[in-house]
N, C-alpha and C. Protein backbone atom coordinates (compact mmCIF):
# COMPACT_ATOMS: atom_id res chain seq x y z
N UNK A 1 -52.18 -0.10 -34.22
CA UNK A 1 -52.65 -1.38 -34.76
C UNK A 1 -54.14 -1.29 -35.10
N UNK A 2 -54.90 -0.60 -34.25
CA UNK A 2 -56.33 -0.47 -34.52
C UNK A 2 -56.56 0.34 -35.80
N UNK A 3 -55.78 1.42 -35.96
CA UNK A 3 -55.95 2.25 -37.15
C UNK A 3 -55.56 1.50 -38.42
N UNK A 4 -54.60 0.60 -38.30
CA UNK A 4 -54.17 -0.16 -39.48
C UNK A 4 -55.08 -1.35 -39.75
N UNK A 5 -55.91 -1.71 -38.77
CA UNK A 5 -56.78 -2.87 -38.93
C UNK A 5 -58.25 -2.51 -38.89
N UNK A 6 -58.92 -2.77 -37.74
CA UNK A 6 -60.39 -2.60 -37.66
C UNK A 6 -60.88 -1.21 -37.99
N UNK A 7 -60.09 -0.16 -37.71
CA UNK A 7 -60.57 1.21 -37.90
C UNK A 7 -60.10 1.82 -39.21
N UNK A 8 -59.54 1.00 -40.09
CA UNK A 8 -58.96 1.53 -41.32
C UNK A 8 -59.96 2.34 -42.13
N UNK A 9 -61.18 1.87 -42.20
CA UNK A 9 -62.19 2.55 -43.02
C UNK A 9 -63.29 3.18 -42.18
N UNK A 10 -62.99 3.42 -40.91
CA UNK A 10 -64.00 3.99 -39.99
C UNK A 10 -63.53 5.36 -39.55
N UNK A 11 -64.05 6.42 -40.19
CA UNK A 11 -63.57 7.78 -39.92
C UNK A 11 -63.80 8.18 -38.47
N UNK A 12 -64.93 7.79 -37.90
CA UNK A 12 -65.24 8.17 -36.53
C UNK A 12 -64.25 7.53 -35.56
N UNK A 13 -63.95 6.26 -35.76
CA UNK A 13 -62.98 5.57 -34.90
C UNK A 13 -61.58 6.15 -35.09
N UNK A 14 -61.24 6.52 -36.31
CA UNK A 14 -59.93 7.11 -36.56
C UNK A 14 -59.74 8.39 -35.75
N UNK A 15 -60.77 9.25 -35.78
CA UNK A 15 -60.68 10.50 -35.02
C UNK A 15 -60.52 10.21 -33.53
N UNK A 16 -61.26 9.22 -33.03
CA UNK A 16 -61.20 8.91 -31.60
C UNK A 16 -59.83 8.37 -31.21
N UNK A 17 -59.29 7.45 -32.02
CA UNK A 17 -58.01 6.86 -31.68
C UNK A 17 -56.85 7.84 -31.88
N UNK A 18 -56.97 8.72 -32.87
CA UNK A 18 -55.94 9.74 -33.04
C UNK A 18 -55.89 10.69 -31.85
N UNK A 19 -57.06 11.01 -31.29
CA UNK A 19 -57.10 11.86 -30.09
C UNK A 19 -56.43 11.16 -28.91
N UNK A 20 -56.68 9.85 -28.77
CA UNK A 20 -56.04 9.08 -27.69
C UNK A 20 -54.53 9.05 -27.89
N UNK A 21 -54.08 8.86 -29.11
CA UNK A 21 -52.65 8.83 -29.41
C UNK A 21 -52.00 10.17 -29.08
N UNK A 22 -52.67 11.26 -29.44
CA UNK A 22 -52.11 12.58 -29.17
C UNK A 22 -52.00 12.81 -27.66
N UNK A 23 -53.02 12.41 -26.91
CA UNK A 23 -53.00 12.59 -25.46
C UNK A 23 -51.87 11.78 -24.82
N UNK A 24 -51.73 10.51 -25.23
CA UNK A 24 -50.71 9.66 -24.63
C UNK A 24 -49.30 10.09 -25.04
N UNK A 25 -49.17 10.57 -26.28
CA UNK A 25 -47.86 11.07 -26.72
C UNK A 25 -47.46 12.30 -25.91
N UNK A 26 -48.43 13.19 -25.66
CA UNK A 26 -48.14 14.36 -24.83
C UNK A 26 -47.73 13.98 -23.44
N UNK A 27 -48.41 12.99 -22.86
CA UNK A 27 -48.07 12.53 -21.51
C UNK A 27 -46.67 11.94 -21.48
N UNK A 28 -46.33 11.13 -22.49
CA UNK A 28 -45.00 10.54 -22.56
C UNK A 28 -43.93 11.62 -22.72
N UNK A 29 -44.22 12.64 -23.53
CA UNK A 29 -43.26 13.72 -23.72
C UNK A 29 -43.01 14.46 -22.41
N UNK A 30 -44.07 14.73 -21.66
CA UNK A 30 -43.90 15.41 -20.37
C UNK A 30 -43.10 14.55 -19.39
N UNK A 31 -43.38 13.24 -19.39
CA UNK A 31 -42.67 12.34 -18.48
C UNK A 31 -41.18 12.29 -18.81
N UNK A 32 -40.86 12.13 -20.09
CA UNK A 32 -39.45 12.08 -20.50
C UNK A 32 -38.76 13.41 -20.18
N UNK A 33 -39.44 14.53 -20.44
CA UNK A 33 -38.86 15.84 -20.14
C UNK A 33 -38.57 16.00 -18.66
N UNK A 34 -39.52 15.58 -17.81
CA UNK A 34 -39.31 15.70 -16.36
C UNK A 34 -38.20 14.78 -15.88
N UNK A 35 -38.12 13.57 -16.43
CA UNK A 35 -37.05 12.64 -16.04
C UNK A 35 -35.68 13.20 -16.42
N UNK A 36 -35.57 13.79 -17.60
CA UNK A 36 -34.30 14.38 -18.02
C UNK A 36 -33.93 15.57 -17.14
N UNK A 37 -34.92 16.40 -16.83
CA UNK A 37 -34.66 17.55 -15.96
C UNK A 37 -34.18 17.09 -14.59
N UNK A 38 -34.86 16.10 -14.04
CA UNK A 38 -34.50 15.59 -12.72
C UNK A 38 -33.09 15.00 -12.73
N UNK A 39 -32.75 14.28 -13.78
CA UNK A 39 -31.42 13.69 -13.89
C UNK A 39 -30.34 14.76 -13.93
N UNK A 40 -30.57 15.82 -14.72
CA UNK A 40 -29.59 16.91 -14.81
C UNK A 40 -29.42 17.61 -13.47
N UNK A 41 -30.52 17.84 -12.77
CA UNK A 41 -30.44 18.52 -11.47
C UNK A 41 -29.69 17.66 -10.47
N UNK A 42 -29.96 16.35 -10.46
CA UNK A 42 -29.29 15.46 -9.51
C UNK A 42 -27.78 15.41 -9.76
N UNK A 43 -27.38 15.47 -11.01
CA UNK A 43 -25.95 15.43 -11.33
C UNK A 43 -25.20 16.62 -10.75
N UNK A 44 -25.90 17.77 -10.62
CA UNK A 44 -25.24 18.99 -10.14
C UNK A 44 -25.67 19.36 -8.72
N UNK A 45 -26.36 18.44 -8.04
CA UNK A 45 -26.98 18.78 -6.77
C UNK A 45 -25.98 19.24 -5.71
N UNK A 46 -24.76 18.71 -5.78
CA UNK A 46 -23.75 19.06 -4.77
C UNK A 46 -22.81 20.18 -5.23
N UNK A 47 -23.18 20.85 -6.31
CA UNK A 47 -22.42 22.00 -6.80
C UNK A 47 -23.23 23.27 -6.57
N UNK A 48 -22.94 24.02 -5.52
CA UNK A 48 -23.72 25.25 -5.26
C UNK A 48 -23.69 26.17 -6.48
N UNK A 49 -24.83 26.69 -6.90
CA UNK A 49 -24.85 27.60 -8.06
C UNK A 49 -24.14 28.90 -7.74
N UNK A 50 -23.60 29.51 -8.77
CA UNK A 50 -22.81 30.74 -8.58
C UNK A 50 -23.52 31.98 -9.10
N UNK A 51 -24.67 31.82 -9.70
CA UNK A 51 -25.37 32.98 -10.25
C UNK A 51 -26.12 33.75 -9.17
N UNK A 52 -26.73 34.86 -9.57
CA UNK A 52 -27.55 35.68 -8.67
C UNK A 52 -28.91 35.86 -9.32
N UNK A 53 -29.96 35.68 -8.54
CA UNK A 53 -31.31 35.69 -9.09
C UNK A 53 -32.18 36.70 -8.35
N UNK A 54 -32.88 37.54 -9.12
CA UNK A 54 -33.89 38.44 -8.57
C UNK A 54 -35.22 37.69 -8.58
N UNK A 55 -35.71 37.36 -7.40
CA UNK A 55 -36.89 36.51 -7.30
C UNK A 55 -38.15 37.21 -7.81
N UNK A 56 -38.29 38.51 -7.54
CA UNK A 56 -39.49 39.24 -7.93
C UNK A 56 -39.78 39.17 -9.42
N UNK A 57 -38.86 39.60 -10.28
CA UNK A 57 -39.10 39.54 -11.73
C UNK A 57 -39.33 38.12 -12.23
N UNK A 58 -38.65 37.16 -11.62
CA UNK A 58 -38.83 35.77 -12.02
C UNK A 58 -40.26 35.32 -11.76
N UNK A 59 -40.78 35.63 -10.58
CA UNK A 59 -42.15 35.25 -10.24
C UNK A 59 -43.17 35.96 -11.11
N UNK A 60 -42.92 37.24 -11.40
CA UNK A 60 -43.88 37.98 -12.24
C UNK A 60 -44.01 37.32 -13.62
N UNK A 61 -42.89 36.91 -14.19
CA UNK A 61 -42.92 36.27 -15.49
C UNK A 61 -43.66 34.94 -15.46
N UNK A 62 -43.44 34.17 -14.39
CA UNK A 62 -44.11 32.87 -14.28
C UNK A 62 -45.61 33.03 -14.10
N UNK A 63 -46.01 33.99 -13.26
CA UNK A 63 -47.44 34.21 -13.03
C UNK A 63 -48.12 34.66 -14.31
N UNK A 64 -47.51 35.56 -15.05
CA UNK A 64 -48.09 36.01 -16.32
C UNK A 64 -48.27 34.84 -17.28
N UNK A 65 -47.29 33.94 -17.32
CA UNK A 65 -47.36 32.80 -18.22
C UNK A 65 -48.47 31.84 -17.80
N UNK A 66 -48.59 31.57 -16.48
CA UNK A 66 -49.55 30.58 -16.00
C UNK A 66 -50.97 31.13 -15.89
N UNK A 67 -51.13 32.44 -16.00
CA UNK A 67 -52.49 33.00 -16.00
C UNK A 67 -53.31 32.46 -17.17
N UNK A 68 -52.66 32.19 -18.30
CA UNK A 68 -53.35 31.63 -19.46
C UNK A 68 -53.91 30.25 -19.13
N UNK A 69 -53.16 29.47 -18.36
CA UNK A 69 -53.60 28.13 -17.98
C UNK A 69 -54.70 28.19 -16.93
N UNK A 70 -54.65 29.21 -16.06
CA UNK A 70 -55.63 29.33 -14.98
C UNK A 70 -56.99 29.81 -15.47
N UNK A 71 -56.99 30.58 -16.55
CA UNK A 71 -58.22 31.24 -17.01
C UNK A 71 -59.35 30.27 -17.35
N UNK A 72 -59.09 29.15 -18.06
CA UNK A 72 -60.20 28.25 -18.38
C UNK A 72 -60.90 27.67 -17.15
N UNK A 73 -60.18 27.57 -16.04
CA UNK A 73 -60.79 27.04 -14.81
C UNK A 73 -61.33 28.17 -13.93
N UNK A 74 -61.29 29.40 -14.45
CA UNK A 74 -61.74 30.58 -13.71
C UNK A 74 -60.98 30.72 -12.40
N UNK A 75 -59.70 30.41 -12.46
CA UNK A 75 -58.82 30.56 -11.30
C UNK A 75 -58.06 31.88 -11.42
N UNK A 76 -58.03 32.63 -10.34
CA UNK A 76 -57.33 33.91 -10.31
C UNK A 76 -55.98 33.74 -9.64
N UNK A 77 -54.93 34.21 -10.30
CA UNK A 77 -53.59 34.19 -9.71
C UNK A 77 -53.28 35.57 -9.15
N UNK A 78 -52.92 35.65 -7.87
CA UNK A 78 -52.52 36.92 -7.27
C UNK A 78 -51.07 36.84 -6.84
N UNK A 79 -50.35 37.92 -7.04
CA UNK A 79 -48.93 37.96 -6.72
C UNK A 79 -48.64 39.14 -5.81
N UNK A 80 -47.94 38.86 -4.72
CA UNK A 80 -47.56 39.89 -3.76
C UNK A 80 -46.07 39.75 -3.47
N UNK A 81 -45.28 40.65 -4.03
CA UNK A 81 -43.83 40.59 -3.87
C UNK A 81 -43.36 41.80 -3.07
N UNK A 82 -42.68 41.56 -1.97
CA UNK A 82 -42.16 42.64 -1.14
C UNK A 82 -41.09 43.41 -1.91
N UNK A 83 -41.00 44.73 -1.70
CA UNK A 83 -40.04 45.53 -2.46
C UNK A 83 -38.59 45.38 -1.99
N UNK A 84 -38.39 44.78 -0.81
CA UNK A 84 -37.04 44.74 -0.24
C UNK A 84 -36.40 43.36 -0.33
N UNK A 85 -36.80 42.56 -1.31
CA UNK A 85 -36.25 41.21 -1.41
C UNK A 85 -34.75 41.24 -1.71
N UNK A 86 -33.97 40.45 -0.99
CA UNK A 86 -32.55 40.33 -1.34
C UNK A 86 -32.39 39.44 -2.56
N UNK A 87 -31.28 39.59 -3.24
CA UNK A 87 -30.94 38.69 -4.33
C UNK A 87 -30.52 37.35 -3.74
N UNK A 88 -30.94 36.26 -4.38
CA UNK A 88 -30.53 34.94 -3.90
C UNK A 88 -29.47 34.38 -4.83
N UNK A 89 -28.56 33.62 -4.25
CA UNK A 89 -27.57 32.91 -5.06
C UNK A 89 -28.25 31.71 -5.67
N UNK A 90 -28.19 31.59 -6.98
CA UNK A 90 -28.90 30.46 -7.56
C UNK A 90 -28.77 30.36 -9.06
N UNK A 91 -29.34 29.29 -9.58
CA UNK A 91 -29.45 29.04 -11.01
C UNK A 91 -30.86 29.46 -11.42
N UNK A 92 -30.96 30.47 -12.27
CA UNK A 92 -32.27 31.03 -12.59
C UNK A 92 -33.19 30.01 -13.24
N UNK A 93 -32.67 29.21 -14.15
CA UNK A 93 -33.51 28.23 -14.85
C UNK A 93 -34.04 27.18 -13.88
N UNK A 94 -33.20 26.73 -12.96
CA UNK A 94 -33.64 25.72 -12.01
C UNK A 94 -34.68 26.28 -11.04
N UNK A 95 -34.45 27.49 -10.54
CA UNK A 95 -35.44 28.10 -9.65
C UNK A 95 -36.75 28.34 -10.38
N UNK A 96 -36.67 28.75 -11.65
CA UNK A 96 -37.89 28.95 -12.43
C UNK A 96 -38.65 27.63 -12.56
N UNK A 97 -37.93 26.54 -12.77
CA UNK A 97 -38.56 25.23 -12.89
C UNK A 97 -39.26 24.85 -11.59
N UNK A 98 -38.59 25.07 -10.46
CA UNK A 98 -39.17 24.72 -9.16
C UNK A 98 -40.39 25.58 -8.87
N UNK A 99 -40.27 26.89 -9.05
CA UNK A 99 -41.40 27.78 -8.76
C UNK A 99 -42.58 27.48 -9.69
N UNK A 100 -42.26 27.23 -10.97
CA UNK A 100 -43.33 26.94 -11.92
C UNK A 100 -44.08 25.68 -11.53
N UNK A 101 -43.37 24.64 -11.08
CA UNK A 101 -44.03 23.42 -10.66
C UNK A 101 -44.97 23.67 -9.49
N UNK A 102 -44.55 24.47 -8.53
CA UNK A 102 -45.39 24.76 -7.37
C UNK A 102 -46.64 25.54 -7.77
N UNK A 103 -46.46 26.57 -8.59
CA UNK A 103 -47.61 27.39 -9.00
C UNK A 103 -48.53 26.59 -9.92
N UNK A 104 -47.95 25.83 -10.82
CA UNK A 104 -48.75 25.02 -11.75
C UNK A 104 -49.58 24.00 -10.99
N UNK A 105 -48.99 23.35 -9.98
CA UNK A 105 -49.75 22.40 -9.17
C UNK A 105 -50.92 23.08 -8.47
N UNK A 106 -50.67 24.27 -7.94
CA UNK A 106 -51.73 24.99 -7.24
C UNK A 106 -52.88 25.31 -8.20
N UNK A 107 -52.55 25.73 -9.42
CA UNK A 107 -53.59 26.04 -10.41
C UNK A 107 -54.38 24.78 -10.76
N UNK A 108 -53.70 23.65 -10.87
CA UNK A 108 -54.37 22.40 -11.22
C UNK A 108 -55.34 21.95 -10.13
N UNK A 109 -54.90 22.07 -8.87
CA UNK A 109 -55.64 21.42 -7.79
C UNK A 109 -56.51 22.35 -6.96
N UNK A 110 -56.43 23.65 -7.18
CA UNK A 110 -57.37 24.53 -6.49
C UNK A 110 -58.76 24.32 -7.07
N UNK A 111 -59.78 24.68 -6.33
CA UNK A 111 -61.14 24.51 -6.83
C UNK A 111 -61.41 25.53 -7.95
N UNK A 112 -62.17 25.13 -8.97
CA UNK A 112 -62.53 26.09 -10.02
C UNK A 112 -63.23 27.30 -9.42
N UNK A 113 -62.89 28.47 -9.95
CA UNK A 113 -63.51 29.70 -9.47
C UNK A 113 -62.88 30.27 -8.22
N UNK A 114 -61.77 29.70 -7.76
CA UNK A 114 -61.09 30.22 -6.58
C UNK A 114 -59.81 30.92 -7.00
N UNK A 115 -58.96 31.24 -6.03
CA UNK A 115 -57.72 31.94 -6.34
C UNK A 115 -56.51 31.17 -5.81
N UNK A 116 -55.39 31.45 -6.43
CA UNK A 116 -54.09 30.95 -5.97
C UNK A 116 -53.24 32.16 -5.62
N UNK A 117 -52.72 32.18 -4.41
CA UNK A 117 -51.92 33.30 -3.97
C UNK A 117 -50.44 32.93 -4.00
N UNK A 118 -49.66 33.78 -4.64
CA UNK A 118 -48.21 33.63 -4.68
C UNK A 118 -47.60 34.85 -4.00
N UNK A 119 -46.74 34.64 -3.03
CA UNK A 119 -46.14 35.75 -2.31
C UNK A 119 -44.67 35.52 -2.06
N UNK A 120 -43.92 36.61 -2.00
CA UNK A 120 -42.49 36.52 -1.69
C UNK A 120 -42.13 37.65 -0.74
N UNK A 121 -41.43 37.32 0.33
CA UNK A 121 -41.07 38.32 1.33
C UNK A 121 -39.68 38.00 1.87
N UNK A 122 -39.12 38.99 2.54
CA UNK A 122 -37.83 38.79 3.19
C UNK A 122 -38.04 38.06 4.51
N UNK A 123 -37.20 37.08 4.77
CA UNK A 123 -37.23 36.40 6.07
C UNK A 123 -35.81 36.18 6.54
N UNK A 124 -35.49 36.78 7.69
CA UNK A 124 -34.12 36.72 8.23
C UNK A 124 -33.15 37.18 7.15
N UNK A 125 -32.23 36.28 6.74
CA UNK A 125 -31.25 36.68 5.73
C UNK A 125 -31.55 36.05 4.38
N UNK A 126 -32.82 35.73 4.15
CA UNK A 126 -33.17 35.09 2.89
C UNK A 126 -34.53 35.51 2.37
N UNK A 127 -35.10 34.67 1.50
CA UNK A 127 -36.37 34.93 0.86
C UNK A 127 -37.35 33.81 1.19
N UNK A 128 -38.56 34.22 1.50
CA UNK A 128 -39.64 33.26 1.78
C UNK A 128 -40.68 33.36 0.67
N UNK A 129 -40.92 32.25 0.01
CA UNK A 129 -41.92 32.18 -1.06
C UNK A 129 -43.06 31.30 -0.60
N UNK A 130 -44.29 31.77 -0.79
CA UNK A 130 -45.45 30.94 -0.47
C UNK A 130 -46.34 30.80 -1.70
N UNK A 131 -46.91 29.60 -1.86
CA UNK A 131 -47.90 29.33 -2.90
C UNK A 131 -49.09 28.69 -2.18
N UNK A 132 -50.22 29.38 -2.19
CA UNK A 132 -51.39 28.91 -1.42
C UNK A 132 -52.57 28.70 -2.35
N UNK A 133 -53.16 27.51 -2.28
CA UNK A 133 -54.34 27.23 -3.10
C UNK A 133 -55.57 27.05 -2.22
N UNK A 134 -56.71 26.90 -2.87
CA UNK A 134 -57.97 26.66 -2.18
C UNK A 134 -58.58 25.35 -2.68
N UNK A 135 -57.73 24.32 -2.70
CA UNK A 135 -58.16 23.02 -3.20
C UNK A 135 -58.75 22.15 -2.12
N UNK A 136 -58.75 20.85 -2.39
CA UNK A 136 -59.35 19.89 -1.47
C UNK A 136 -58.45 19.60 -0.27
N UNK A 137 -57.19 20.02 -0.35
CA UNK A 137 -56.28 19.76 0.76
C UNK A 137 -55.68 18.36 0.70
N UNK A 138 -54.69 18.12 1.54
CA UNK A 138 -53.95 16.85 1.55
C UNK A 138 -53.98 16.29 2.96
N UNK A 139 -54.33 15.03 3.10
CA UNK A 139 -54.36 14.40 4.41
C UNK A 139 -52.95 14.30 4.99
N UNK A 140 -52.86 14.36 6.30
CA UNK A 140 -51.56 14.42 6.99
C UNK A 140 -50.65 13.25 6.63
N UNK A 141 -51.22 12.06 6.41
CA UNK A 141 -50.37 10.89 6.17
C UNK A 141 -49.63 10.95 4.84
N UNK A 142 -50.05 11.84 3.95
CA UNK A 142 -49.39 11.95 2.65
C UNK A 142 -48.26 12.99 2.64
N UNK A 143 -48.24 13.90 3.58
CA UNK A 143 -47.37 15.07 3.47
C UNK A 143 -45.90 14.71 3.38
N UNK A 144 -45.45 13.78 4.19
CA UNK A 144 -44.02 13.45 4.23
C UNK A 144 -43.53 12.78 2.95
N UNK A 145 -44.45 12.29 2.12
CA UNK A 145 -44.05 11.54 0.92
C UNK A 145 -44.27 12.33 -0.37
N UNK A 146 -44.70 13.57 -0.27
CA UNK A 146 -45.07 14.33 -1.46
C UNK A 146 -43.93 14.49 -2.45
N UNK A 147 -42.68 14.57 -1.96
CA UNK A 147 -41.56 14.81 -2.88
C UNK A 147 -40.92 13.52 -3.40
N UNK A 148 -41.51 12.37 -3.08
CA UNK A 148 -41.01 11.13 -3.64
C UNK A 148 -41.38 11.04 -5.12
N UNK A 149 -40.49 10.46 -5.90
CA UNK A 149 -40.79 10.28 -7.32
C UNK A 149 -42.05 9.43 -7.50
N UNK A 150 -42.91 9.90 -8.35
CA UNK A 150 -44.12 9.18 -8.78
C UNK A 150 -45.14 8.98 -7.66
N UNK A 151 -44.90 9.59 -6.50
CA UNK A 151 -45.90 9.45 -5.44
C UNK A 151 -47.09 10.35 -5.75
N UNK A 152 -48.29 9.80 -5.67
CA UNK A 152 -49.49 10.56 -5.97
C UNK A 152 -50.50 10.39 -4.85
N UNK A 153 -51.06 11.48 -4.41
CA UNK A 153 -52.12 11.41 -3.40
C UNK A 153 -53.38 10.81 -4.01
N UNK A 154 -53.70 11.24 -5.22
CA UNK A 154 -54.87 10.74 -5.94
C UNK A 154 -54.41 10.40 -7.36
N UNK A 155 -54.11 9.11 -7.59
CA UNK A 155 -53.52 8.71 -8.87
C UNK A 155 -54.41 9.07 -10.06
N UNK A 156 -55.69 8.77 -9.97
CA UNK A 156 -56.58 9.02 -11.10
C UNK A 156 -56.67 10.50 -11.42
N UNK A 157 -56.81 11.32 -10.39
CA UNK A 157 -56.95 12.76 -10.63
C UNK A 157 -55.66 13.35 -11.16
N UNK A 158 -54.52 12.89 -10.64
CA UNK A 158 -53.24 13.41 -11.10
C UNK A 158 -53.04 13.11 -12.58
N UNK A 159 -53.37 11.91 -13.01
CA UNK A 159 -53.24 11.57 -14.42
C UNK A 159 -54.20 12.38 -15.27
N UNK A 160 -55.40 12.58 -14.77
CA UNK A 160 -56.38 13.38 -15.49
C UNK A 160 -55.88 14.80 -15.70
N UNK A 161 -55.15 15.33 -14.71
CA UNK A 161 -54.62 16.68 -14.79
C UNK A 161 -53.33 16.76 -15.61
N UNK A 162 -52.83 15.62 -16.06
CA UNK A 162 -51.63 15.63 -16.88
C UNK A 162 -50.33 15.60 -16.10
N UNK A 163 -50.40 15.25 -14.82
CA UNK A 163 -49.20 15.22 -14.00
C UNK A 163 -48.33 14.00 -14.28
N UNK A 164 -47.02 14.13 -14.02
CA UNK A 164 -46.09 13.03 -14.22
C UNK A 164 -45.67 12.38 -12.90
N UNK A 165 -46.01 13.00 -11.78
CA UNK A 165 -45.57 12.48 -10.49
C UNK A 165 -44.14 12.86 -10.15
N UNK A 166 -43.54 13.78 -10.92
CA UNK A 166 -42.14 14.16 -10.71
C UNK A 166 -41.97 15.63 -10.33
N UNK A 167 -43.03 16.41 -10.39
CA UNK A 167 -42.90 17.85 -10.17
C UNK A 167 -42.31 18.21 -8.82
N UNK A 168 -42.84 17.62 -7.74
CA UNK A 168 -42.33 17.97 -6.41
C UNK A 168 -40.98 17.32 -6.14
N UNK A 169 -40.66 16.21 -6.80
CA UNK A 169 -39.31 15.65 -6.70
C UNK A 169 -38.30 16.62 -7.31
N UNK A 170 -38.66 17.24 -8.43
CA UNK A 170 -37.80 18.25 -9.04
C UNK A 170 -37.63 19.43 -8.10
N UNK A 171 -38.72 19.89 -7.48
CA UNK A 171 -38.63 20.99 -6.51
C UNK A 171 -37.66 20.63 -5.40
N UNK A 172 -37.78 19.43 -4.85
CA UNK A 172 -36.92 19.00 -3.74
C UNK A 172 -35.44 19.06 -4.12
N UNK A 173 -35.09 18.53 -5.29
CA UNK A 173 -33.67 18.47 -5.67
C UNK A 173 -33.14 19.85 -6.06
N UNK A 174 -33.98 20.70 -6.64
CA UNK A 174 -33.55 22.08 -6.89
C UNK A 174 -33.24 22.77 -5.57
N UNK A 175 -34.10 22.61 -4.58
CA UNK A 175 -33.88 23.26 -3.29
C UNK A 175 -32.69 22.65 -2.57
N UNK A 176 -32.44 21.36 -2.72
CA UNK A 176 -31.23 20.77 -2.15
C UNK A 176 -29.99 21.50 -2.67
N UNK A 177 -29.97 21.71 -3.99
CA UNK A 177 -28.80 22.37 -4.58
C UNK A 177 -28.68 23.81 -4.10
N UNK A 178 -29.79 24.46 -3.84
CA UNK A 178 -29.78 25.85 -3.42
C UNK A 178 -29.78 26.02 -1.90
N UNK A 179 -29.61 24.90 -1.19
CA UNK A 179 -29.60 24.90 0.28
C UNK A 179 -30.89 25.52 0.84
N UNK A 180 -31.97 25.21 0.14
CA UNK A 180 -33.27 25.74 0.55
C UNK A 180 -34.08 24.71 1.31
N UNK A 181 -35.29 25.09 1.64
CA UNK A 181 -36.16 24.24 2.45
C UNK A 181 -37.60 24.39 1.99
N UNK A 182 -38.32 23.27 1.98
CA UNK A 182 -39.72 23.26 1.59
C UNK A 182 -40.56 22.77 2.76
N UNK A 183 -41.61 23.50 3.09
CA UNK A 183 -42.58 23.05 4.10
C UNK A 183 -43.97 23.07 3.49
N UNK A 184 -44.83 22.20 3.99
CA UNK A 184 -46.19 22.11 3.48
C UNK A 184 -47.16 22.14 4.65
N UNK A 185 -48.15 23.01 4.54
CA UNK A 185 -49.26 23.03 5.49
C UNK A 185 -50.52 22.73 4.71
N UNK A 186 -51.30 21.76 5.19
CA UNK A 186 -52.50 21.39 4.47
C UNK A 186 -53.47 20.70 5.40
N UNK A 187 -54.74 20.87 5.11
CA UNK A 187 -55.81 20.16 5.82
C UNK A 187 -56.90 19.84 4.81
N UNK A 188 -57.46 18.67 4.93
CA UNK A 188 -58.50 18.24 4.00
C UNK A 188 -59.66 19.24 4.03
N UNK A 189 -60.04 19.70 2.86
CA UNK A 189 -61.13 20.65 2.74
C UNK A 189 -60.73 22.10 2.89
N UNK A 190 -59.45 22.36 3.19
CA UNK A 190 -59.01 23.74 3.46
C UNK A 190 -57.87 24.22 2.57
N UNK A 191 -57.48 23.44 1.59
CA UNK A 191 -56.40 23.87 0.71
C UNK A 191 -55.03 23.59 1.26
N UNK A 192 -54.01 24.02 0.53
CA UNK A 192 -52.62 23.75 0.88
C UNK A 192 -51.75 24.99 0.70
N UNK A 193 -50.71 25.08 1.53
CA UNK A 193 -49.73 26.16 1.40
C UNK A 193 -48.34 25.55 1.33
N UNK A 194 -47.65 25.82 0.24
CA UNK A 194 -46.26 25.38 0.07
C UNK A 194 -45.37 26.58 0.31
N UNK A 195 -44.39 26.41 1.19
CA UNK A 195 -43.48 27.50 1.54
C UNK A 195 -42.05 27.10 1.24
N UNK A 196 -41.35 27.97 0.53
CA UNK A 196 -39.94 27.76 0.21
C UNK A 196 -39.12 28.83 0.92
N UNK A 197 -38.06 28.41 1.59
CA UNK A 197 -37.11 29.34 2.20
C UNK A 197 -35.77 29.20 1.49
N UNK A 198 -35.27 30.31 0.98
CA UNK A 198 -33.99 30.33 0.26
C UNK A 198 -33.03 31.29 0.94
N UNK A 199 -31.78 30.88 1.13
CA UNK A 199 -30.80 31.81 1.70
C UNK A 199 -30.40 32.86 0.67
N UNK A 200 -30.05 34.03 1.15
CA UNK A 200 -29.64 35.11 0.26
C UNK A 200 -28.13 35.11 0.08
N UNK A 201 -27.70 35.60 -1.07
CA UNK A 201 -26.30 35.89 -1.35
C UNK A 201 -25.38 34.69 -1.29
N UNK A 202 -24.77 34.43 -0.13
CA UNK A 202 -23.75 33.39 -0.05
C UNK A 202 -24.29 32.15 0.63
N UNK A 203 -23.74 31.00 0.24
CA UNK A 203 -24.12 29.73 0.84
C UNK A 203 -23.12 29.35 1.91
N UNK A 204 -23.60 28.63 2.91
CA UNK A 204 -22.71 28.00 3.87
C UNK A 204 -22.05 26.82 3.19
N UNK A 205 -20.79 26.58 3.49
CA UNK A 205 -20.09 25.45 2.89
C UNK A 205 -20.35 24.16 3.65
N UNK A 206 -21.01 24.27 4.80
CA UNK A 206 -21.30 23.07 5.58
C UNK A 206 -22.31 22.21 4.84
N UNK A 207 -22.11 20.92 4.91
CA UNK A 207 -23.04 20.01 4.23
C UNK A 207 -24.33 19.95 5.01
N UNK A 208 -25.40 19.70 4.25
CA UNK A 208 -26.71 19.61 4.86
C UNK A 208 -27.39 18.33 4.42
N UNK A 209 -28.34 17.89 5.24
CA UNK A 209 -29.12 16.71 4.87
C UNK A 209 -30.03 17.07 3.69
N UNK A 210 -30.35 16.08 2.84
CA UNK A 210 -31.24 16.39 1.71
C UNK A 210 -32.56 16.93 2.18
N UNK A 211 -33.09 17.84 1.38
CA UNK A 211 -34.35 18.47 1.71
C UNK A 211 -35.50 17.50 1.59
N UNK A 212 -36.40 17.51 2.54
CA UNK A 212 -37.63 16.73 2.47
C UNK A 212 -38.79 17.68 2.63
N UNK A 213 -39.90 17.14 3.02
CA UNK A 213 -41.07 17.97 3.29
C UNK A 213 -41.30 17.99 4.78
N UNK A 214 -41.45 19.16 5.34
CA UNK A 214 -41.79 19.30 6.74
C UNK A 214 -43.26 19.61 6.85
N UNK A 215 -43.93 18.89 7.73
CA UNK A 215 -45.36 19.11 7.93
C UNK A 215 -45.56 20.43 8.66
N UNK A 216 -46.59 21.20 8.21
CA UNK A 216 -46.93 22.42 8.88
C UNK A 216 -48.01 22.19 9.92
């Protein structure tokens, strides 16, 4: 409306409002995309995936992709993958979405000029994935609610970073489907560590409670 009215003949205002439109359109696109992804995952949440996923190559591809995003903030991504990882039963696209959300969040919220560590190792009969940042950390009262839809520890900062408030909700529902578990360890001023535990090979047919966040 502004471009069609008061700013019709004002080139400077046109450029400014077009930039605002582009930013808001991008935010809306991300929100709609995340809502659709979450809806699809929830529809299949009680259907154990039948595929097999090699976690190491999947993580290497994600880290290579996100290094481009980390570079402008002078953030270094390090990856440490154990050579003896078992194959996990899973949906590769869904696990990629969950892992990408965790790593992307770490890149967004770590302090500029620091590093984000991504590691994968064997634990018992499954795989343990850790994503550790050097950000401002999260106060204890927020930890249990991190995977709620649209829950934000810092609303203004999350919006500034382009977040939709759905990333960790997507992680939670992907892990529910994969019979996995998410834990978070964090302290204000000391950064955060997100840990995912995934069973290897076969799933138990016993039903489990939905995955939440366990405080570390």
